[in-house]
Amino acid sequence: MTAKPPIIAATLTDDHVTLVPLDPSHHDGLVEAAKDGDLWRLWYTSVPSPEGMAREIDRRLGLQEARSMVPWTVIDADGRIAGMTTYMNIDNTNQRVEIGSTWYARRVQRTPLNTEAKRLLLGYAFDTLDCIAVEFRTHFMNRQSRKAIERLGAKLDGVLRNHQVAPDGSLRDTVVYSILPGEWPAVRSNLTGMLAR
């Protein structure tokens, strides 16, 4: 089997969203996006606080250097920074990624932005990188995220019980979903239909 090149970031764009490789210069815009909804206060997810944003950018770029993450800054249709997303837990040998560590400013939640971002990320994974699977994981209690993942067309793989210890000491059950290459055409049609509605 021929080794494939490592998975790297590319700028991905659609009508309502542009994903650009994360850069330290995005710091102030990311802080403003996180402040829209006080997102770091949500107990069932992990969004960097304004004070922790520089550390989070450094962490994600460090994981990119180690080839285990590809981080993007999410830009809305008005050209404003709206959040972050990544390919994470990258398996370069098997061309497998997880889409995660995603968060958006409140102003763009429940808009076409997330649907388009996921369509871009899935298209890049399957059509360009030839991934064998794309995975999604979320906290069992994050019902908004679970519904969004299910609307994409991802299938439930299972629940990892007591998977992680949260910063507050509680135990996280992690719900795991995935999409496979053979499912991608139907998922893409579903996402396109959702955007048309």
N, C-alpha and C. Protein backbone atom coordinates (compact mmCIF):
# COMPACT_ATOMS: atom_id res chain seq x y z
N MET A 1 0.85 -1.18 0.00
CA MET A 1 0.00 0.00 0.00
C MET A 1 0.89 1.24 0.00
N THR A 2 0.62 2.17 -0.88
CA THR A 2 1.40 3.39 -0.98
C THR A 2 1.04 4.35 0.14
N ALA A 3 2.07 4.89 0.80
CA ALA A 3 1.82 5.85 1.87
C ALA A 3 1.24 7.13 1.29
N LYS A 4 0.25 7.66 1.97
CA LYS A 4 -0.38 8.89 1.52
C LYS A 4 0.27 10.06 2.24
N PRO A 5 0.25 11.25 1.64
CA PRO A 5 0.83 12.42 2.31
C PRO A 5 0.02 12.75 3.56
N PRO A 6 0.63 13.44 4.53
CA PRO A 6 -0.10 13.78 5.75
C PRO A 6 -1.28 14.70 5.44
N ILE A 7 -2.29 14.59 6.26
CA ILE A 7 -3.48 15.42 6.12
C ILE A 7 -3.12 16.84 6.55
N ILE A 8 -3.38 17.80 5.67
CA ILE A 8 -3.02 19.19 5.95
C ILE A 8 -4.23 20.10 5.74
N ALA A 9 -4.12 21.31 6.27
CA ALA A 9 -5.21 22.28 6.14
C ALA A 9 -5.21 22.91 4.76
N ALA A 10 -6.39 23.27 4.33
CA ALA A 10 -6.58 24.04 3.10
C ALA A 10 -7.71 25.02 3.39
N THR A 11 -7.75 26.12 2.68
CA THR A 11 -8.86 27.04 2.81
C THR A 11 -10.06 26.45 2.07
N LEU A 12 -11.19 26.35 2.75
CA LEU A 12 -12.41 25.78 2.20
C LEU A 12 -13.49 26.84 2.27
N THR A 13 -14.24 27.03 1.19
CA THR A 13 -15.22 28.12 1.20
C THR A 13 -16.52 27.71 0.51
N ASP A 14 -17.62 28.31 1.00
CA ASP A 14 -18.95 28.10 0.45
C ASP A 14 -19.70 29.43 0.60
N ASP A 15 -20.99 29.44 0.39
CA ASP A 15 -21.75 30.70 0.41
C ASP A 15 -21.78 31.36 1.78
N HIS A 16 -21.95 30.57 2.86
CA HIS A 16 -22.16 31.12 4.19
C HIS A 16 -20.96 30.99 5.11
N VAL A 17 -19.90 30.33 4.66
CA VAL A 17 -18.77 30.06 5.56
C VAL A 17 -17.48 29.91 4.78
N THR A 18 -16.39 30.32 5.41
CA THR A 18 -15.05 30.03 4.92
C THR A 18 -14.26 29.47 6.08
N LEU A 19 -13.55 28.39 5.84
CA LEU A 19 -12.67 27.79 6.84
C LEU A 19 -11.25 28.10 6.42
N VAL A 20 -10.51 28.81 7.27
CA VAL A 20 -9.13 29.16 6.97
C VAL A 20 -8.23 28.52 8.01
N PRO A 21 -7.03 28.09 7.62
CA PRO A 21 -6.12 27.50 8.60
C PRO A 21 -5.92 28.45 9.79
N LEU A 22 -6.02 27.91 10.99
CA LEU A 22 -5.88 28.69 12.21
C LEU A 22 -4.53 29.40 12.24
N ASP A 23 -4.55 30.66 12.68
CA ASP A 23 -3.35 31.47 12.77
C ASP A 23 -3.43 32.31 14.04
N PRO A 24 -2.29 32.55 14.73
CA PRO A 24 -2.32 33.39 15.93
C PRO A 24 -2.95 34.76 15.72
N SER A 25 -2.92 35.28 14.50
CA SER A 25 -3.51 36.59 14.23
C SER A 25 -5.03 36.58 14.38
N HIS A 26 -5.65 35.40 14.49
CA HIS A 26 -7.10 35.29 14.64
C HIS A 26 -7.53 35.47 16.10
N HIS A 27 -6.58 35.62 17.01
CA HIS A 27 -6.86 35.63 18.45
C HIS A 27 -8.01 36.57 18.83
N ASP A 28 -7.92 37.84 18.48
CA ASP A 28 -8.92 38.81 18.95
C ASP A 28 -10.31 38.49 18.41
N GLY A 29 -10.39 38.09 17.16
CA GLY A 29 -11.69 37.72 16.59
C GLY A 29 -12.28 36.49 17.26
N LEU A 30 -11.42 35.53 17.62
CA LEU A 30 -11.89 34.34 18.31
C LEU A 30 -12.38 34.67 19.72
N VAL A 31 -11.69 35.59 20.39
CA VAL A 31 -12.14 36.03 21.72
C VAL A 31 -13.53 36.64 21.61
N GLU A 32 -13.73 37.52 20.64
CA GLU A 32 -15.04 38.15 20.46
C GLU A 32 -16.12 37.12 20.15
N ALA A 33 -15.79 36.13 19.34
CA ALA A 33 -16.77 35.08 19.02
C ALA A 33 -17.14 34.28 20.26
N ALA A 34 -16.16 33.94 21.09
CA ALA A 34 -16.44 33.16 22.30
C ALA A 34 -17.27 33.97 23.30
N LYS A 35 -17.07 35.29 23.32
CA LYS A 35 -17.84 36.15 24.23
C LYS A 35 -19.31 36.19 23.83
N ASP A 36 -19.61 35.94 22.55
CA ASP A 36 -20.99 35.96 22.08
C ASP A 36 -21.69 34.69 22.56
N GLY A 37 -22.26 34.76 23.75
CA GLY A 37 -22.92 33.61 24.35
C GLY A 37 -22.19 33.07 25.56
N ASP A 38 -21.06 33.72 25.95
CA ASP A 38 -20.27 33.22 27.09
C ASP A 38 -20.05 31.71 26.96
N LEU A 39 -19.59 31.29 25.80
CA LEU A 39 -19.56 29.87 25.46
C LEU A 39 -18.69 29.03 26.39
N TRP A 40 -17.64 29.62 26.95
CA TRP A 40 -16.74 28.86 27.83
C TRP A 40 -17.43 28.45 29.13
N ARG A 41 -18.60 29.00 29.42
CA ARG A 41 -19.32 28.67 30.66
C ARG A 41 -20.19 27.41 30.52
N LEU A 42 -20.35 26.90 29.31
CA LEU A 42 -21.15 25.69 29.10
C LEU A 42 -20.40 24.49 29.67
N TRP A 43 -21.00 23.79 30.61
CA TRP A 43 -20.28 22.73 31.33
C TRP A 43 -20.06 21.47 30.50
N TYR A 44 -20.90 21.22 29.49
CA TYR A 44 -20.85 19.97 28.74
C TYR A 44 -19.98 20.05 27.49
N THR A 45 -19.30 21.17 27.29
CA THR A 45 -18.41 21.31 26.14
C THR A 45 -17.18 22.10 26.56
N SER A 46 -16.20 22.17 25.69
CA SER A 46 -14.95 22.84 26.04
C SER A 46 -14.67 23.94 25.02
N VAL A 47 -14.96 25.17 25.42
CA VAL A 47 -14.70 26.35 24.60
C VAL A 47 -13.71 27.21 25.37
N PRO A 48 -12.64 27.66 24.72
CA PRO A 48 -11.66 28.47 25.45
C PRO A 48 -12.24 29.79 25.95
N SER A 49 -11.85 30.16 27.16
CA SER A 49 -12.24 31.45 27.71
C SER A 49 -11.43 32.54 27.01
N PRO A 50 -11.85 33.80 27.12
CA PRO A 50 -11.06 34.87 26.51
C PRO A 50 -9.61 34.85 27.01
N GLU A 51 -9.43 34.60 28.31
CA GLU A 51 -8.07 34.58 28.87
C GLU A 51 -7.27 33.37 28.39
N GLY A 52 -7.96 32.29 28.02
CA GLY A 52 -7.28 31.07 27.61
C GLY A 52 -7.16 30.89 26.11
N MET A 53 -7.62 31.88 25.34
CA MET A 53 -7.65 31.71 23.88
C MET A 53 -6.25 31.55 23.29
N ALA A 54 -5.29 32.34 23.74
CA ALA A 54 -3.92 32.23 23.19
C ALA A 54 -3.35 30.85 23.46
N ARG A 55 -3.58 30.32 24.66
CA ARG A 55 -3.12 28.96 24.99
C ARG A 55 -3.77 27.93 24.09
N GLU A 56 -5.08 28.11 23.83
CA GLU A 56 -5.79 27.15 22.98
C GLU A 56 -5.29 27.20 21.55
N ILE A 57 -5.02 28.39 21.04
CA ILE A 57 -4.46 28.51 19.69
C ILE A 57 -3.10 27.80 19.65
N ASP A 58 -2.26 28.04 20.65
CA ASP A 58 -0.95 27.39 20.71
C ASP A 58 -1.08 25.88 20.80
N ARG A 59 -2.05 25.41 21.60
CA ARG A 59 -2.27 23.96 21.76
C ARG A 59 -2.65 23.33 20.42
N ARG A 60 -3.59 23.95 19.74
CA ARG A 60 -4.05 23.39 18.47
C ARG A 60 -2.93 23.43 17.42
N LEU A 61 -2.17 24.50 17.38
CA LEU A 61 -1.07 24.57 16.42
C LEU A 61 0.03 23.58 16.76
N GLY A 62 0.24 23.32 18.05
CA GLY A 62 1.20 22.29 18.46
C GLY A 62 0.77 20.91 18.01
N LEU A 63 -0.54 20.61 18.14
CA LEU A 63 -1.05 19.33 17.67
C LEU A 63 -0.99 19.23 16.15
N GLN A 64 -1.14 20.37 15.48
CA GLN A 64 -0.97 20.37 14.02
C GLN A 64 0.47 20.02 13.66
N GLU A 65 1.41 20.61 14.39
CA GLU A 65 2.83 20.31 14.15
C GLU A 65 3.12 18.83 14.34
N ALA A 66 2.42 18.21 15.31
CA ALA A 66 2.58 16.77 15.58
C ALA A 66 1.76 15.91 14.62
N ARG A 67 1.04 16.55 13.70
CA ARG A 67 0.23 15.87 12.68
C ARG A 67 -0.94 15.09 13.25
N SER A 68 -1.45 15.51 14.41
CA SER A 68 -2.62 14.83 14.96
C SER A 68 -3.87 15.72 14.91
N MET A 69 -3.73 16.96 14.44
CA MET A 69 -4.86 17.87 14.33
C MET A 69 -4.64 18.82 13.16
N VAL A 70 -5.75 19.18 12.52
CA VAL A 70 -5.74 20.26 11.53
C VAL A 70 -6.80 21.25 11.98
N PRO A 71 -6.37 22.42 12.51
CA PRO A 71 -7.34 23.40 13.02
C PRO A 71 -7.69 24.49 12.01
N TRP A 72 -8.95 24.88 12.02
CA TRP A 72 -9.43 25.98 11.18
C TRP A 72 -10.10 27.05 12.03
N THR A 73 -10.02 28.28 11.54
CA THR A 73 -10.85 29.36 12.04
C THR A 73 -12.04 29.47 11.11
N VAL A 74 -13.22 29.62 11.71
CA VAL A 74 -14.47 29.69 10.94
C VAL A 74 -14.83 31.16 10.73
N ILE A 75 -15.03 31.53 9.48
CA ILE A 75 -15.38 32.90 9.10
C ILE A 75 -16.80 32.90 8.53
N ASP A 76 -17.65 33.81 8.99
CA ASP A 76 -19.02 33.84 8.49
C ASP A 76 -19.11 34.60 7.16
N ALA A 77 -20.32 34.67 6.61
CA ALA A 77 -20.52 35.29 5.30
C ALA A 77 -20.20 36.78 5.30
N ASP A 78 -20.23 37.42 6.48
CA ASP A 78 -19.90 38.83 6.59
C ASP A 78 -18.41 39.08 6.79
N GLY A 79 -17.62 37.99 6.79
CA GLY A 79 -16.18 38.12 6.97
C GLY A 79 -15.74 38.22 8.42
N ARG A 80 -16.65 37.93 9.35
CA ARG A 80 -16.31 37.98 10.78
C ARG A 80 -15.95 36.60 11.28
N ILE A 81 -14.99 36.53 12.18
CA ILE A 81 -14.62 35.26 12.81
C ILE A 81 -15.78 34.79 13.67
N ALA A 82 -16.18 33.53 13.47
CA ALA A 82 -17.35 32.98 14.15
C ALA A 82 -17.04 31.80 15.04
N GLY A 83 -15.81 31.26 15.00
CA GLY A 83 -15.50 30.11 15.84
C GLY A 83 -14.32 29.32 15.32
N MET A 84 -14.26 28.06 15.77
CA MET A 84 -13.16 27.17 15.41
C MET A 84 -13.72 25.78 15.11
N THR A 85 -12.98 25.02 14.31
CA THR A 85 -13.28 23.62 14.08
C THR A 85 -11.98 22.90 13.74
N THR A 86 -11.97 21.58 13.80
CA THR A 86 -10.75 20.83 13.51
C THR A 86 -11.04 19.46 12.91
N TYR A 87 -10.03 18.93 12.24
CA TYR A 87 -9.86 17.49 12.13
C TYR A 87 -8.97 17.14 13.32
N MET A 88 -9.37 16.16 14.10
CA MET A 88 -8.57 15.80 15.27
C MET A 88 -8.44 14.29 15.34
N ASN A 89 -7.59 13.84 16.26
CA ASN A 89 -7.31 12.40 16.38
C ASN A 89 -7.03 11.80 15.00
N ILE A 90 -6.22 12.51 14.24
CA ILE A 90 -5.93 12.11 12.87
C ILE A 90 -5.10 10.82 12.85
N ASP A 91 -5.54 9.89 12.04
CA ASP A 91 -4.81 8.65 11.80
C ASP A 91 -4.31 8.73 10.35
N ASN A 92 -3.09 9.25 10.18
CA ASN A 92 -2.54 9.44 8.83
C ASN A 92 -2.29 8.12 8.12
N THR A 93 -2.01 7.07 8.88
CA THR A 93 -1.75 5.77 8.26
C THR A 93 -3.00 5.23 7.58
N ASN A 94 -4.13 5.37 8.24
CA ASN A 94 -5.38 4.83 7.72
C ASN A 94 -6.29 5.87 7.09
N GLN A 95 -5.83 7.14 7.05
CA GLN A 95 -6.64 8.21 6.48
C GLN A 95 -8.02 8.27 7.15
N ARG A 96 -7.99 8.45 8.45
CA ARG A 96 -9.21 8.53 9.26
C ARG A 96 -9.12 9.78 10.11
N VAL A 97 -10.22 10.56 10.20
CA VAL A 97 -10.22 11.78 11.00
C VAL A 97 -11.50 11.85 11.84
N GLU A 98 -11.41 12.67 12.87
CA GLU A 98 -12.59 13.04 13.64
C GLU A 98 -12.80 14.54 13.43
N ILE A 99 -14.03 14.95 13.16
CA ILE A 99 -14.36 16.37 13.12
C ILE A 99 -14.83 16.74 14.52
N GLY A 100 -14.14 17.69 15.13
CA GLY A 100 -14.51 18.04 16.49
C GLY A 100 -13.84 19.31 16.97
N SER A 101 -13.89 19.50 18.30
CA SER A 101 -13.41 20.75 18.92
C SER A 101 -13.98 21.95 18.18
N THR A 102 -15.28 21.83 17.85
CA THR A 102 -15.97 22.86 17.09
C THR A 102 -16.83 23.70 18.03
N TRP A 103 -16.75 24.99 17.85
CA TRP A 103 -17.66 25.89 18.57
C TRP A 103 -17.91 27.12 17.71
N TYR A 104 -19.10 27.69 17.90
CA TYR A 104 -19.52 28.85 17.12
C TYR A 104 -20.12 29.92 18.02
N ALA A 105 -19.90 31.17 17.67
CA ALA A 105 -20.58 32.28 18.34
C ALA A 105 -22.09 32.06 18.27
N ARG A 106 -22.77 32.54 19.30
CA ARG A 106 -24.22 32.36 19.35
C ARG A 106 -24.91 32.92 18.10
N ARG A 107 -24.41 34.03 17.57
CA ARG A 107 -25.06 34.70 16.44
C ARG A 107 -25.15 33.84 15.19
N VAL A 108 -24.29 32.81 15.06
CA VAL A 108 -24.34 31.97 13.86
C VAL A 108 -24.89 30.58 14.15
N GLN A 109 -25.22 30.30 15.40
CA GLN A 109 -25.80 29.00 15.71
C GLN A 109 -27.20 28.91 15.10
N ARG A 110 -27.54 27.72 14.63
CA ARG A 110 -28.83 27.47 13.97
C ARG A 110 -29.00 28.31 12.69
N THR A 111 -27.87 28.51 12.00
CA THR A 111 -27.89 29.15 10.68
C THR A 111 -27.27 28.15 9.70
N PRO A 112 -27.27 28.44 8.40
CA PRO A 112 -26.67 27.52 7.44
C PRO A 112 -25.16 27.33 7.62
N LEU A 113 -24.51 28.16 8.42
CA LEU A 113 -23.05 28.12 8.56
C LEU A 113 -22.55 26.73 8.95
N ASN A 114 -23.12 26.11 9.98
CA ASN A 114 -22.63 24.81 10.43
C ASN A 114 -22.84 23.74 9.37
N THR A 115 -24.00 23.74 8.74
CA THR A 115 -24.28 22.73 7.71
C THR A 115 -23.26 22.85 6.57
N GLU A 116 -23.00 24.07 6.13
CA GLU A 116 -22.02 24.26 5.06
C GLU A 116 -20.61 23.88 5.51
N ALA A 117 -20.25 24.24 6.75
CA ALA A 117 -18.93 23.89 7.26
C ALA A 117 -18.74 22.38 7.28
N LYS A 118 -19.76 21.66 7.73
CA LYS A 118 -19.65 20.20 7.77
C LYS A 118 -19.59 19.62 6.37
N ARG A 119 -20.35 20.19 5.43
CA ARG A 119 -20.29 19.69 4.06
C ARG A 119 -18.90 19.91 3.47
N LEU A 120 -18.29 21.06 3.76
CA LEU A 120 -16.93 21.34 3.29
C LEU A 120 -15.92 20.36 3.89
N LEU A 121 -16.01 20.16 5.21
CA LEU A 121 -15.06 19.28 5.90
C LEU A 121 -15.21 17.83 5.46
N LEU A 122 -16.45 17.39 5.29
CA LEU A 122 -16.67 16.01 4.83
C LEU A 122 -16.23 15.85 3.38
N GLY A 123 -16.53 16.84 2.55
CA GLY A 123 -16.10 16.76 1.15
C GLY A 123 -14.60 16.71 1.02
N TYR A 124 -13.91 17.53 1.80
CA TYR A 124 -12.45 17.52 1.77
C TYR A 124 -11.91 16.17 2.23
N ALA A 125 -12.53 15.62 3.29
CA ALA A 125 -12.07 14.33 3.82
C ALA A 125 -12.27 13.20 2.82
N PHE A 126 -13.44 13.13 2.21
CA PHE A 126 -13.74 12.00 1.33
C PHE A 126 -13.29 12.22 -0.12
N ASP A 127 -13.51 13.41 -0.65
CA ASP A 127 -13.25 13.64 -2.07
C ASP A 127 -11.79 13.98 -2.38
N THR A 128 -11.10 14.60 -1.43
CA THR A 128 -9.71 15.01 -1.65
C THR A 128 -8.72 14.10 -0.93
N LEU A 129 -9.03 13.78 0.33
CA LEU A 129 -8.08 13.03 1.16
C LEU A 129 -8.31 11.52 1.15
N ASP A 130 -9.40 11.07 0.54
CA ASP A 130 -9.73 9.64 0.47
C ASP A 130 -9.78 8.98 1.85
N CYS A 131 -10.41 9.64 2.79
CA CYS A 131 -10.53 9.08 4.14
C CYS A 131 -11.42 7.84 4.13
N ILE A 132 -11.10 6.90 5.01
CA ILE A 132 -11.91 5.68 5.11
C ILE A 132 -13.07 5.85 6.08
N ALA A 133 -13.02 6.88 6.92
CA ALA A 133 -14.11 7.18 7.85
C ALA A 133 -13.90 8.57 8.42
N VAL A 134 -15.00 9.22 8.73
CA VAL A 134 -14.98 10.48 9.46
C VAL A 134 -15.84 10.27 10.70
N GLU A 135 -15.28 10.61 11.83
CA GLU A 135 -15.92 10.35 13.12
C GLU A 135 -16.34 11.66 13.76
N PHE A 136 -17.38 11.59 14.58
CA PHE A 136 -17.84 12.70 15.41
C PHE A 136 -18.02 12.17 16.83
N ARG A 137 -17.62 12.96 17.82
CA ARG A 137 -17.80 12.58 19.21
C ARG A 137 -18.36 13.77 19.97
N THR A 138 -19.23 13.50 20.93
CA THR A 138 -19.76 14.57 21.75
C THR A 138 -20.17 14.03 23.11
N HIS A 139 -20.34 14.92 24.05
CA HIS A 139 -20.78 14.58 25.40
C HIS A 139 -22.21 14.03 25.32
N PHE A 140 -22.48 12.98 26.06
CA PHE A 140 -23.82 12.39 26.06
C PHE A 140 -24.88 13.43 26.39
N MET A 141 -24.56 14.38 27.28
CA MET A 141 -25.53 15.38 27.71
C MET A 141 -25.65 16.56 26.74
N ASN A 142 -24.81 16.63 25.73
CA ASN A 142 -24.87 17.74 24.77
C ASN A 142 -25.88 17.39 23.68
N ARG A 143 -27.14 17.53 24.04
CA ARG A 143 -28.22 17.11 23.13
C ARG A 143 -28.25 17.94 21.85
N GLN A 144 -27.90 19.22 21.94
CA GLN A 144 -27.87 20.07 20.75
C GLN A 144 -26.85 19.55 19.75
N SER A 145 -25.67 19.17 20.24
CA SER A 145 -24.63 18.64 19.36
C SER A 145 -25.04 17.28 18.80
N ARG A 146 -25.63 16.42 19.62
CA ARG A 146 -26.05 15.10 19.15
C ARG A 146 -27.08 15.22 18.04
N LYS A 147 -28.05 16.11 18.22
CA LYS A 147 -29.08 16.30 17.18
C LYS A 147 -28.46 16.82 15.89
N ALA A 148 -27.51 17.75 16.03
CA ALA A 148 -26.85 18.30 14.84
C ALA A 148 -26.07 17.22 14.09
N ILE A 149 -25.37 16.37 14.81
CA ILE A 149 -24.61 15.28 14.19
C ILE A 149 -25.56 14.30 13.50
N GLU A 150 -26.65 13.97 14.16
CA GLU A 150 -27.61 13.04 13.57
C GLU A 150 -28.27 13.63 12.33
N ARG A 151 -28.54 14.96 12.34
CA ARG A 151 -29.12 15.61 11.16
C ARG A 151 -28.18 15.53 9.96
N LEU A 152 -26.87 15.49 10.23
CA LEU A 152 -25.91 15.37 9.13
C LEU A 152 -26.06 14.05 8.38
N GLY A 153 -26.52 13.03 9.09
CA GLY A 153 -26.62 11.70 8.50
C GLY A 153 -25.59 10.73 9.06
N ALA A 154 -24.85 11.15 10.09
CA ALA A 154 -23.89 10.24 10.73
C ALA A 154 -24.64 9.15 11.46
N LYS A 155 -24.02 7.97 11.52
CA LYS A 155 -24.63 6.84 12.20
C LYS A 155 -23.97 6.63 13.57
N LEU A 156 -24.78 6.25 14.53
CA LEU A 156 -24.31 6.02 15.89
C LEU A 156 -23.45 4.77 15.94
N ASP A 157 -22.21 4.92 16.42
CA ASP A 157 -21.33 3.77 16.63
C ASP A 157 -21.49 3.22 18.05
N GLY A 158 -21.73 4.11 19.02
CA GLY A 158 -21.91 3.65 20.39
C GLY A 158 -21.58 4.74 21.39
N VAL A 159 -21.60 4.37 22.66
CA VAL A 159 -21.32 5.29 23.75
C VAL A 159 -20.14 4.75 24.54
N LEU A 160 -19.11 5.59 24.71
CA LEU A 160 -17.96 5.25 25.54
C LEU A 160 -18.28 5.74 26.95
N ARG A 161 -18.61 4.81 27.86
CA ARG A 161 -19.04 5.18 29.20
C ARG A 161 -17.84 5.53 30.06
N ASN A 162 -18.00 6.58 30.90
CA ASN A 162 -16.89 7.07 31.74
C ASN A 162 -15.63 7.25 30.90
N HIS A 163 -15.77 7.89 29.77
CA HIS A 163 -14.69 8.03 28.80
C HIS A 163 -13.64 9.03 29.23
N GLN A 164 -14.07 10.13 29.87
CA GLN A 164 -13.14 11.18 30.25
C GLN A 164 -13.58 11.82 31.56
N VAL A 165 -12.61 12.43 32.24
CA VAL A 165 -12.91 13.22 33.43
C VAL A 165 -12.95 14.68 33.01
N ALA A 166 -14.08 15.34 33.25
CA ALA A 166 -14.25 16.74 32.88
C ALA A 166 -13.50 17.64 33.85
N PRO A 167 -13.22 18.89 33.46
CA PRO A 167 -12.51 19.81 34.36
C PRO A 167 -13.18 19.97 35.72
N ASP A 168 -14.51 19.81 35.79
CA ASP A 168 -15.20 19.93 37.07
C ASP A 168 -15.21 18.62 37.87
N GLY A 169 -14.55 17.59 37.34
CA GLY A 169 -14.45 16.31 38.04
C GLY A 169 -15.54 15.32 37.66
N SER A 170 -16.55 15.75 36.91
CA SER A 170 -17.61 14.82 36.50
C SER A 170 -17.07 13.89 35.41
N LEU A 171 -17.71 12.74 35.28
CA LEU A 171 -17.31 11.77 34.27
C LEU A 171 -18.14 11.96 33.01
N ARG A 172 -17.46 11.98 31.89
CA ARG A 172 -18.12 12.19 30.60
C ARG A 172 -18.36 10.86 29.90
N ASP A 173 -19.62 10.61 29.52
CA ASP A 173 -19.94 9.56 28.58
C ASP A 173 -19.87 10.20 27.19
N THR A 174 -19.11 9.59 26.28
CA THR A 174 -18.90 10.15 24.95
C THR A 174 -19.69 9.35 23.92
N VAL A 175 -20.52 10.05 23.15
CA VAL A 175 -21.29 9.42 22.08
C VAL A 175 -20.47 9.51 20.79
N VAL A 176 -20.31 8.38 20.12
CA VAL A 176 -19.47 8.29 18.92
C VAL A 176 -20.35 8.00 17.70
N TYR A 177 -20.15 8.80 16.65
CA TYR A 177 -20.84 8.63 15.37
C TYR A 177 -19.79 8.57 14.27
N SER A 178 -20.18 8.05 13.10
CA SER A 178 -19.27 8.10 11.96
C SER A 178 -20.03 8.11 10.65
N ILE A 179 -19.31 8.53 9.62
CA ILE A 179 -19.78 8.47 8.23
C ILE A 179 -18.68 7.76 7.44
N LEU A 180 -19.09 6.83 6.57
CA LEU A 180 -18.15 6.06 5.75
C LEU A 180 -18.22 6.54 4.30
N PRO A 181 -17.19 6.25 3.50
CA PRO A 181 -17.17 6.75 2.12
C PRO A 181 -18.41 6.39 1.30
N GLY A 182 -18.91 5.17 1.46
CA GLY A 182 -20.09 4.76 0.70
C GLY A 182 -21.35 5.51 1.10
N GLU A 183 -21.34 6.09 2.30
CA GLU A 183 -22.49 6.87 2.78
C GLU A 183 -22.40 8.34 2.38
N TRP A 184 -21.20 8.79 2.00
CA TRP A 184 -20.99 10.19 1.73
C TRP A 184 -21.90 10.76 0.64
N PRO A 185 -22.14 10.09 -0.50
CA PRO A 185 -23.03 10.70 -1.51
C PRO A 185 -24.42 11.01 -0.97
N ALA A 186 -24.99 10.10 -0.17
CA ALA A 186 -26.32 10.35 0.40
C ALA A 186 -26.26 11.45 1.45
N VAL A 187 -25.20 11.46 2.25
CA VAL A 187 -25.03 12.50 3.26
C VAL A 187 -24.90 13.86 2.58
N ARG A 188 -24.09 13.92 1.52
CA ARG A 188 -23.92 15.17 0.78
C ARG A 188 -25.26 15.66 0.21
N SER A 189 -26.04 14.75 -0.36
CA SER A 189 -27.37 15.13 -0.88
C SER A 189 -28.26 15.64 0.23
N ASN A 190 -28.21 14.99 1.39
CA ASN A 190 -28.99 15.42 2.54
C ASN A 190 -28.61 16.84 2.97
N LEU A 191 -27.30 17.09 3.07
CA LEU A 191 -26.84 18.41 3.47
C LEU A 191 -27.22 19.48 2.45
N THR A 192 -27.10 19.16 1.18
CA THR A 192 -27.49 20.09 0.13
C THR A 192 -28.99 20.39 0.19
N GLY A 193 -29.77 19.35 0.46
CA GLY A 193 -31.23 19.54 0.61
C GLY A 193 -31.56 20.40 1.82
N MET A 194 -30.84 20.17 2.93
CA MET A 194 -31.07 21.00 4.12
C MET A 194 -30.77 22.46 3.83
N LEU A 195 -29.72 22.72 3.09
CA LEU A 195 -29.36 24.09 2.77
C LEU A 195 -30.37 24.72 1.82
N ALA A 196 -30.94 23.93 0.93
CA ALA A 196 -31.93 24.45 -0.02
C ALA A 196 -33.21 24.85 0.69
N ARG A 197 -33.50 24.15 1.82
CA ARG A 197 -34.71 24.47 2.58
C ARG A 197 -34.52 25.71 3.41
